[in-house]
Amino acid sequence: MMTDSGLYTEQFALTERPFTLLPDPEFIFWTPMHRRAYSILEYGIMTHAPLTVITGEVGAGKTTLLQKLLKSIPDDVTIGLISNAQGGRGELLRWVLNALDIDTSGIDDYVQLFQMLQNFLIEEYAQGRRSILVIDEAQNLSIEGLEELRMLTNVNSNKDELLQLVLVGQPELRDMVLRPELRQFAQRVVANFHLPAMDKDTVAAYISHRLKVAGGQGNEFTKQACERIWEVSNGVPRLVNQICDFAMVYAASSDEKLVLSSVVDQVVKDGVFFAGYMGNEGAEDEQ
C-alpha cells in the first residue's frame, strides 16, 4: 500500500512531502514581507499593544506565522487561541473564557462571565503574568463582535494593559476595521500589516526552499515551471503548494525527476487544481 509520504518522495529522493497544506513552521520561507509581518507581530507583543491586526489573502502564510509566534511566547505570558469564532454578544465572551481555560459551566449571565474574565486577568497580572488572546480567521467576526473585543481591552490596571488582542484574518478584516462605525476600534490598533501574495522571483525561491528543507536539491522544478506556477497560483503560498504537490505526483507517475512547465499545464488542464487558471498560451520549451 502506498503511504502518504511515498507519493513521490522516493522518486525525488526526498525525506518528506515539501508541499503539504498543513501550516508547518519548519518550512516557513522568510520573504521580505513575511519578515515584516512577523516583526509587526513581535512589535505588538513586546510593546503591549492593545490590538495588533495582521491580514492577508487565503493561504498567504498567516497561520504559519502565527504558529511560529506562539512557539516563541515567553513563559510569563498566558496565551489563548481562538480559531473561527462566531456568534453574538455573550457567545464571543464565552469563546474568550474557554480559550483561557476558564470554566464557565452553569453560568449564562453576561455580567458574571465578564467578571470572571476580569478577575482572571487581574490575578494573572498580580502574579507577574500578562494575557494575550489570539483570534485567527477574525474576518468572520461581526461588527458587534469586534466592538465587544475592543471593550475587553478596556480592562486595565493603572497604565498597564491586562489583555492584548492579536487578530489575524483575510482582507475583509482590514476593510471592516476601516469602517466608520469601528473608528474607536481602529484607534486602538497599534500595529497592523497586510501580507501580499508573492512575486514571480519569490515563488521560485519559495519552491526551492521547501524542496531543500524536505531533503531535495532545490532545482527539481525548472525555471519555466516555477514561472507557470506563479501565473496559475497568483503567488498565493497555499495554491503554490497545491499545484507543486500535484505536479510532483504527475512527474513521478511518468518516472521523471524534473518537473517541467508542461507538467504544470497538464495538472491544470486535468482539473485537479480547482483554483488554477489555464491561459491560452502553452508553456515555453525547456532545456
Protein backbone atom coordinates (compact mmCIF):
# COMPACT_ATOMS: atom_id res chain seq x y z
CA MET A 1 0.00 0.00 0.00
CA MET A 2 1.37 3.41 -0.92
CA THR A 3 1.93 5.67 2.06
CA ASP A 4 1.21 9.38 2.07
CA SER A 5 4.92 10.18 2.05
CA GLY A 6 5.59 7.71 -0.76
CA LEU A 7 3.59 9.51 -3.41
CA TYR A 8 6.76 10.86 -4.99
CA THR A 9 9.37 11.18 -2.23
CA GLU A 10 11.39 8.16 -3.35
CA GLN A 11 11.36 9.29 -6.98
CA PHE A 12 12.80 12.68 -5.99
CA ALA A 13 14.94 11.38 -3.08
CA LEU A 14 13.06 13.45 -0.52
CA THR A 15 12.63 12.72 3.17
CA GLU A 16 9.05 14.06 3.22
CA ARG A 17 6.49 15.85 1.08
CA PRO A 18 7.57 19.50 0.78
CA PHE A 19 4.23 20.92 -0.32
CA THR A 20 1.58 19.76 2.14
CA LEU A 21 -1.20 22.22 3.02
CA LEU A 22 -0.73 21.94 6.78
CA PRO A 23 0.96 25.03 8.31
CA ASP A 24 4.46 23.97 9.36
CA PRO A 25 6.88 26.50 10.91
CA GLU A 26 9.79 24.23 9.93
CA PHE A 27 9.07 25.01 6.27
CA ILE A 28 8.48 28.71 6.68
CA PHE A 29 10.13 30.78 3.95
CA TRP A 30 11.06 34.24 5.09
CA THR A 31 10.15 36.50 2.23
CA PRO A 32 10.76 40.20 2.98
CA MET A 33 7.03 40.65 3.51
CA HIS A 34 6.77 37.68 5.87
CA ARG A 35 9.67 39.07 7.88
CA ARG A 36 7.92 42.42 8.14
CA ALA A 37 4.64 40.77 9.13
CA TYR A 38 6.39 38.77 11.83
CA SER A 39 8.24 41.86 13.05
CA ILE A 40 4.89 43.63 13.44
CA LEU A 41 3.55 40.67 15.42
CA GLU A 42 6.59 40.78 17.70
CA TYR A 43 6.32 44.55 17.99
CA GLY A 44 2.71 44.27 19.09
CA ILE A 45 3.58 41.68 21.73
CA MET A 46 6.67 43.46 23.06
CA THR A 47 5.06 46.90 23.29
CA HIS A 48 1.93 45.55 24.98
CA ALA A 49 -0.20 46.89 22.14
CA PRO A 50 -3.91 46.53 22.94
CA LEU A 51 -4.68 45.47 19.37
CA THR A 52 -2.48 44.01 16.63
CA VAL A 53 -4.00 43.16 13.25
CA ILE A 54 -2.41 41.01 10.53
CA THR A 55 -4.29 40.42 7.27
CA GLY A 56 -3.60 38.60 4.03
CA GLU A 57 -5.19 36.54 1.29
CA VAL A 58 -6.30 32.95 1.91
CA GLY A 59 -3.18 30.79 2.10
CA ALA A 60 -0.75 33.70 2.30
CA GLY A 61 1.00 32.13 5.30
CA LYS A 62 -0.69 33.98 8.17
CA THR A 63 -1.40 30.88 10.26
CA THR A 64 2.16 29.60 9.80
CA LEU A 65 3.49 32.94 11.07
CA LEU A 66 1.08 32.70 13.97
CA GLN A 67 2.30 29.25 14.93
CA LYS A 68 5.89 30.47 14.77
CA LEU A 69 4.95 33.32 17.10
CA LEU A 70 3.17 31.03 19.57
CA LYS A 71 6.30 28.88 19.87
CA SER A 72 8.35 31.95 20.85
CA ILE A 73 5.99 33.31 23.51
CA PRO A 74 7.85 33.62 26.86
CA ASP A 75 6.78 31.60 29.89
CA ASP A 76 5.39 34.62 31.73
CA VAL A 77 2.61 35.03 29.16
CA THR A 78 -0.78 33.33 29.26
CA ILE A 79 -1.95 32.74 25.72
CA GLY A 80 -5.44 31.98 24.46
CA LEU A 81 -6.09 30.94 20.85
CA ILE A 82 -9.46 31.18 19.12
CA SER A 83 -9.99 29.91 15.58
CA ASN A 84 -13.02 30.88 13.54
CA ALA A 85 -15.07 32.35 16.40
CA GLN A 86 -18.63 33.38 15.59
CA GLY A 87 -21.75 34.40 17.47
CA GLY A 88 -23.40 37.41 19.03
CA ARG A 89 -22.95 39.25 22.29
CA GLY A 90 -22.06 36.87 25.11
CA GLU A 91 -21.09 34.00 22.84
CA LEU A 92 -17.79 35.65 21.92
CA LEU A 93 -17.03 36.29 25.58
CA ARG A 94 -17.55 32.60 26.25
CA TRP A 95 -15.13 31.79 23.41
CA VAL A 96 -12.59 34.05 25.11
CA LEU A 97 -13.06 32.42 28.50
CA ASN A 98 -12.78 28.93 27.04
CA ALA A 99 -9.58 29.89 25.18
CA LEU A 100 -8.08 30.96 28.50
CA ASP A 101 -9.21 27.67 30.15
CA ILE A 102 -11.70 29.41 32.44
CA ASP A 103 -14.56 27.10 33.41
CA THR A 104 -17.93 28.72 32.66
CA SER A 105 -20.14 25.72 33.45
CA GLY A 106 -23.62 26.71 34.61
CA ILE A 107 -23.08 30.44 34.10
CA ASP A 108 -25.12 32.27 31.46
CA ASP A 109 -25.27 35.82 32.84
CA TYR A 110 -23.09 38.18 30.77
CA VAL A 111 -22.10 40.30 33.75
CA GLN A 112 -20.92 37.25 35.66
CA LEU A 113 -18.96 36.00 32.67
CA PHE A 114 -17.30 39.38 32.24
CA GLN A 115 -16.46 39.48 35.95
CA MET A 116 -14.86 36.05 35.67
CA LEU A 117 -12.63 37.32 32.86
CA GLN A 118 -11.73 40.48 34.74
CA ASN A 119 -10.86 38.53 37.91
CA PHE A 120 -8.72 36.14 35.88
CA LEU A 121 -6.79 38.94 34.18
CA ILE A 122 -6.20 40.77 37.45
CA GLU A 123 -4.97 37.58 39.12
CA GLU A 124 -2.59 36.86 36.26
CA TYR A 125 -1.28 40.42 36.43
CA ALA A 126 -0.76 40.13 40.20
CA GLN A 127 1.39 37.05 39.55
CA GLY A 128 3.57 38.96 37.09
CA ARG A 129 1.94 37.42 34.04
CA ARG A 130 0.23 39.08 31.11
CA SER A 131 -2.51 37.66 28.91
CA ILE A 132 -2.69 37.59 25.12
CA LEU A 133 -5.69 36.49 23.14
CA VAL A 134 -5.04 35.46 19.53
CA ILE A 135 -8.01 35.24 17.16
CA ASP A 136 -7.42 33.51 13.83
CA GLU A 137 -9.88 33.87 10.93
CA ALA A 138 -11.04 37.08 12.61
CA GLN A 139 -12.78 38.24 9.41
CA ASN A 140 -15.68 36.00 10.47
CA LEU A 141 -16.43 38.21 13.46
CA SER A 142 -19.33 40.63 13.21
CA ILE A 143 -19.09 44.40 13.70
CA GLU A 144 -20.66 43.84 17.11
CA GLY A 145 -18.09 41.16 17.89
CA LEU A 146 -15.18 43.44 17.07
CA GLU A 147 -16.67 46.18 19.21
CA GLU A 148 -17.07 43.72 22.07
CA LEU A 149 -13.40 42.81 21.76
CA ARG A 150 -12.49 46.48 21.94
CA MET A 151 -14.41 46.75 25.19
CA LEU A 152 -12.41 43.84 26.61
CA THR A 153 -9.20 45.82 26.10
CA ASN A 154 -10.57 48.46 28.49
CA VAL A 155 -9.78 46.11 31.39
CA ASN A 156 -6.53 47.52 32.69
CA SER A 157 -4.51 48.29 35.80
CA ASN A 158 -3.17 51.81 36.01
CA LYS A 159 -1.17 52.23 32.77
CA ASP A 160 -0.79 48.52 32.03
CA GLU A 161 -2.90 46.56 29.55
CA LEU A 162 -4.18 43.37 31.16
CA LEU A 163 -5.32 41.83 27.88
CA GLN A 164 -3.69 42.13 24.48
CA LEU A 165 -5.50 41.08 21.34
CA VAL A 166 -3.91 39.77 18.14
CA LEU A 167 -6.35 39.48 15.23
CA VAL A 168 -5.37 37.55 12.11
CA GLY A 169 -7.65 37.33 9.10
CA GLN A 170 -8.37 37.78 5.43
CA PRO A 171 -8.51 41.20 3.68
CA GLU A 172 -12.16 41.61 4.66
CA LEU A 173 -11.00 42.10 8.26
CA ARG A 174 -8.97 45.15 7.22
CA ASP A 175 -11.99 46.53 5.38
CA MET A 176 -14.17 46.03 8.44
CA VAL A 177 -11.74 47.79 10.77
CA LEU A 178 -11.71 50.82 8.44
CA ARG A 179 -15.48 51.23 8.56
CA PRO A 180 -16.68 54.47 10.25
CA GLU A 181 -18.60 52.64 12.97
CA LEU A 182 -15.40 50.93 14.09
CA ARG A 183 -13.26 54.07 14.34
CA GLN A 184 -12.82 53.56 18.09
CA PHE A 185 -11.62 50.01 17.40
CA ALA A 186 -9.20 51.27 14.73
CA GLN A 187 -7.79 53.85 17.16
CA ARG A 188 -6.74 51.01 19.47
CA VAL A 189 -4.87 49.17 16.73
CA VAL A 190 -1.24 49.98 17.44
CA ALA A 191 0.34 47.55 14.96
CA ASN A 192 -1.05 46.25 11.67
CA PHE A 193 0.30 44.71 8.48
CA HIS A 194 -1.19 43.30 5.26
CA LEU A 195 0.64 40.29 3.83
CA PRO A 196 0.55 40.36 0.00
CA ALA A 197 0.98 37.48 -2.45
CA MET A 198 4.48 36.53 -3.67
CA ASP A 199 6.01 37.86 -6.87
CA LYS A 200 7.49 35.64 -9.59
CA ASP A 201 11.05 35.50 -8.24
CA THR A 202 9.85 34.88 -4.72
CA VAL A 203 7.69 31.95 -5.85
CA ALA A 204 10.74 30.31 -7.44
CA ALA A 205 12.79 30.84 -4.29
CA TYR A 206 9.90 29.56 -2.14
CA ILE A 207 9.65 26.34 -4.16
CA SER A 208 13.41 25.78 -3.99
CA HIS A 209 13.46 26.43 -0.24
CA ARG A 210 10.73 23.92 0.57
CA LEU A 211 12.38 21.26 -1.58
CA LYS A 212 15.69 21.72 0.25
CA VAL A 213 14.00 21.51 3.67
CA ALA A 214 12.47 18.21 2.54
CA GLY A 215 15.90 16.84 1.59
CA GLY A 216 15.94 17.79 -2.08
CA GLN A 217 18.36 19.79 -4.19
CA GLY A 218 16.03 22.73 -4.75
CA ASN A 219 16.19 22.50 -8.54
CA GLU A 220 13.58 19.80 -9.11
CA PHE A 221 11.34 22.36 -10.85
CA THR A 222 12.59 24.13 -13.99
CA LYS A 223 12.59 27.91 -14.17
CA GLN A 224 9.74 27.81 -16.67
CA ALA A 225 7.72 25.52 -14.38
CA CYS A 226 8.17 27.95 -11.49
CA GLU A 227 7.04 30.85 -13.67
CA ARG A 228 3.97 28.89 -14.76
CA ILE A 229 3.15 28.05 -11.16
CA TRP A 230 3.34 31.75 -10.29
CA GLU A 231 0.92 32.55 -13.12
CA VAL A 232 -1.55 29.86 -12.08
CA SER A 233 -1.40 30.48 -8.34
CA ASN A 234 -1.17 34.30 -8.41
CA GLY A 235 1.65 33.93 -5.88
CA VAL A 236 -0.51 32.63 -3.01
CA PRO A 237 1.60 30.14 -0.98
CA ARG A 238 -1.21 27.66 -0.31
CA LEU A 239 -2.05 27.50 -4.00
CA VAL A 240 1.62 27.17 -4.89
CA ASN A 241 1.79 24.18 -2.53
CA GLN A 242 -1.27 22.58 -4.09
CA ILE A 243 -0.05 22.73 -7.66
CA CYS A 244 3.53 21.78 -6.77
CA ASP A 245 2.29 18.71 -4.90
CA PHE A 246 0.19 17.54 -7.86
CA ALA A 247 2.97 18.37 -10.33
CA MET A 248 5.39 16.14 -8.43
CA VAL A 249 2.83 13.34 -8.37
CA TYR A 250 2.41 13.67 -12.14
CA ALA A 251 6.16 13.75 -12.76
CA ALA A 252 6.74 10.70 -10.56
CA SER A 253 3.98 8.78 -12.35
CA SER A 254 5.91 9.34 -15.58
CA ASP A 255 9.18 8.30 -13.91
CA GLU A 256 10.56 11.83 -14.34
CA LYS A 257 12.87 13.50 -11.82
CA LEU A 258 12.37 17.02 -13.15
CA VAL A 259 9.11 18.97 -13.16
CA LEU A 260 8.56 20.82 -16.45
CA SER A 261 6.07 23.57 -17.17
CA SER A 262 4.23 21.11 -19.43
CA VAL A 263 3.53 19.03 -16.31
CA VAL A 264 2.09 22.08 -14.55
CA ASP A 265 -0.10 22.76 -17.57
CA GLN A 266 -1.32 19.16 -17.55
CA VAL A 267 -2.25 19.40 -13.86
CA VAL A 268 -4.33 22.49 -14.56
CA LYS A 269 -5.85 21.03 -17.72
CA ASP A 270 -6.95 17.89 -15.88
CA GLY A 271 -8.90 19.98 -13.39
CA VAL A 272 -7.34 18.51 -10.25
CA PHE A 273 -6.26 22.00 -9.24
CA PHE A 274 -9.57 23.84 -8.86
CA ALA A 275 -8.06 27.26 -8.16
CA GLY A 276 -5.95 27.17 -11.28
CA TYR A 277 -6.35 29.35 -14.33
CA MET A 278 -5.33 27.98 -17.68
CA GLY A 279 -4.10 30.63 -20.07
CA ASN A 280 -4.48 30.37 -23.83
CA GLU A 281 -0.79 30.04 -24.49
CA GLY A 282 1.20 26.93 -23.67
CA ALA A 283 4.41 26.78 -21.74
CA GLU A 284 7.74 27.61 -23.33
CA ASP A 285 10.06 24.80 -24.34
CA GLU A 286 12.61 23.93 -21.70
CA GLN A 287 16.19 22.86 -21.98
